[in-house]
N, C-alpha and C. Protein backbone atom coordinates (compact mmCIF):
# COMPACT_ATOMS: atom_id res chain seq x y z
N MET A 1 145.39 161.85 174.07
CA MET A 1 146.25 162.49 174.68
C MET A 1 146.35 162.14 176.25
N ALA A 2 145.27 161.85 176.78
CA ALA A 2 145.19 161.48 178.19
C ALA A 2 146.00 160.20 178.49
N LYS A 3 145.87 159.35 177.47
CA LYS A 3 146.51 158.06 177.66
C LYS A 3 148.09 158.30 177.65
N GLN A 4 148.55 159.09 176.76
CA GLN A 4 149.94 159.33 176.82
C GLN A 4 150.49 159.94 178.15
N SER A 5 149.63 160.89 178.65
CA SER A 5 150.06 161.39 179.88
C SER A 5 150.01 160.50 181.04
N LEU A 6 149.05 159.53 181.00
CA LEU A 6 149.06 158.52 181.97
C LEU A 6 150.22 157.63 182.01
N PHE A 7 150.63 157.16 180.74
CA PHE A 7 151.82 156.28 180.64
C PHE A 7 153.03 157.13 181.02
N ARG A 8 153.17 158.36 180.66
CA ARG A 8 154.22 159.16 181.10
C ARG A 8 154.34 159.30 182.65
N GLU A 9 153.19 159.48 183.19
CA GLU A 9 153.03 159.54 184.67
C GLU A 9 153.50 158.31 185.39
N LEU A 10 153.16 157.07 184.81
CA LEU A 10 153.47 155.75 185.40
C LEU A 10 154.99 155.65 185.19
N ILE A 11 155.63 156.03 184.22
CA ILE A 11 156.99 155.88 184.02
C ILE A 11 157.81 156.77 185.01
N GLN A 12 157.19 157.99 185.17
CA GLN A 12 157.92 158.89 186.11
C GLN A 12 157.80 158.41 187.46
N PHE A 13 156.63 157.83 187.90
CA PHE A 13 156.48 157.24 189.26
C PHE A 13 157.40 156.10 189.38
N ALA A 14 157.62 155.21 188.39
CA ALA A 14 158.57 154.10 188.50
C ALA A 14 159.96 154.61 188.66
N MET A 15 160.28 155.67 188.12
CA MET A 15 161.68 156.13 188.18
C MET A 15 161.91 156.88 189.46
N ARG A 16 160.92 157.62 189.99
CA ARG A 16 161.00 158.38 191.28
C ARG A 16 161.00 157.47 192.43
N GLU A 17 160.18 156.37 192.40
CA GLU A 17 160.09 155.54 193.60
C GLU A 17 161.02 154.30 193.47
N LYS A 18 161.98 154.22 192.39
CA LYS A 18 162.88 153.25 192.20
C LYS A 18 162.21 151.88 192.03
N LYS A 19 161.10 151.92 191.32
CA LYS A 19 160.38 150.65 191.03
C LYS A 19 160.78 150.14 189.63
N TRP A 20 161.99 149.83 189.39
CA TRP A 20 162.58 149.47 188.05
C TRP A 20 161.87 148.38 187.39
N TRP A 21 161.34 147.43 188.22
CA TRP A 21 160.66 146.23 187.67
C TRP A 21 159.36 146.62 187.01
N LEU A 22 158.76 147.76 187.27
CA LEU A 22 157.54 148.14 186.70
C LEU A 22 157.67 148.51 185.16
N ILE A 23 158.79 149.09 184.83
CA ILE A 23 159.04 149.53 183.44
C ILE A 23 158.92 148.45 182.35
N PRO A 24 159.53 147.32 182.58
CA PRO A 24 159.32 146.23 181.59
C PRO A 24 157.88 145.72 181.61
N LEU A 25 157.18 145.76 182.68
CA LEU A 25 155.83 145.33 182.83
C LEU A 25 155.01 146.32 181.99
N LEU A 26 155.19 147.57 182.15
CA LEU A 26 154.41 148.54 181.39
C LEU A 26 154.69 148.47 179.96
N VAL A 27 155.92 148.25 179.54
CA VAL A 27 156.20 148.08 178.10
C VAL A 27 155.48 146.90 177.50
N ILE A 28 155.52 145.80 178.18
CA ILE A 28 154.86 144.66 177.71
C ILE A 28 153.35 144.75 177.67
N LEU A 29 152.77 145.47 178.56
CA LEU A 29 151.32 145.74 178.54
C LEU A 29 150.89 146.69 177.33
N VAL A 30 151.80 147.63 177.09
CA VAL A 30 151.53 148.56 175.83
C VAL A 30 151.71 147.72 174.57
N LEU A 31 152.73 146.85 174.49
CA LEU A 31 152.91 146.13 173.31
C LEU A 31 151.75 145.14 173.02
N ILE A 32 151.20 144.49 174.06
CA ILE A 32 150.08 143.66 173.88
C ILE A 32 148.82 144.44 173.52
N GLY A 33 148.58 145.63 174.23
CA GLY A 33 147.47 146.49 173.81
C GLY A 33 147.62 146.85 172.34
N GLY A 34 148.83 147.23 171.87
CA GLY A 34 148.92 147.61 170.48
C GLY A 34 148.71 146.46 169.55
N LEU A 35 149.01 145.20 169.98
CA LEU A 35 148.84 144.10 169.15
C LEU A 35 147.37 143.70 169.04
N ILE A 36 146.59 143.93 170.12
CA ILE A 36 145.21 143.72 170.19
C ILE A 36 144.46 144.68 169.28
N ILE A 37 144.94 145.99 169.31
CA ILE A 37 144.27 146.99 168.52
C ILE A 37 144.56 146.67 166.98
N PHE A 38 145.87 146.37 166.79
CA PHE A 38 146.17 146.05 165.34
C PHE A 38 145.51 144.84 164.80
N ALA A 39 145.35 143.81 165.65
CA ALA A 39 144.71 142.51 165.23
C ALA A 39 143.18 142.71 164.98
N GLN A 40 142.60 143.60 165.61
CA GLN A 40 141.12 143.80 165.32
C GLN A 40 140.80 144.19 163.82
N SER A 41 141.69 144.90 163.26
CA SER A 41 141.42 145.37 161.90
C SER A 41 142.25 144.80 160.81
N SER A 42 142.80 143.65 161.06
CA SER A 42 143.64 143.12 160.09
C SER A 42 143.35 141.63 159.65
N ALA A 43 143.99 141.14 158.72
CA ALA A 43 143.75 139.77 158.28
C ALA A 43 144.55 138.74 159.22
N ILE A 44 145.32 139.29 160.09
CA ILE A 44 146.07 138.40 160.97
C ILE A 44 145.24 137.95 162.15
N ALA A 45 144.06 138.60 162.39
CA ALA A 45 143.32 138.34 163.61
C ALA A 45 142.98 136.79 163.82
N PRO A 46 142.53 136.00 162.78
CA PRO A 46 142.26 134.66 163.14
C PRO A 46 143.43 133.86 163.65
N PHE A 47 144.57 134.26 163.29
CA PHE A 47 145.83 133.54 163.84
C PHE A 47 146.22 134.01 165.28
N LEU A 48 145.64 135.11 165.69
CA LEU A 48 145.89 135.46 167.02
C LEU A 48 144.90 135.04 168.09
N TYR A 49 143.83 134.56 167.66
CA TYR A 49 142.78 134.18 168.63
C TYR A 49 143.17 133.18 169.66
N PRO A 50 144.05 132.21 169.29
CA PRO A 50 144.45 131.26 170.29
C PRO A 50 145.24 131.88 171.49
N PHE A 51 145.93 132.93 171.18
CA PHE A 51 146.79 133.67 172.29
C PHE A 51 145.93 134.42 173.25
N PHE A 52 144.67 134.70 172.97
CA PHE A 52 143.95 135.51 173.87
C PHE A 52 142.72 134.83 174.29
């Protein structure tokens, strides 16, 4: 739950301070993090090693 509130707080900061370039950066970081978590427990992991 704390991670969700941190992400929400970062999005609110970006919108409040007009830092629109931060939003795509945050989305990409979340997607890469999700890919890493997914790859740790799947059969696709050996194919993703060259990317990390």
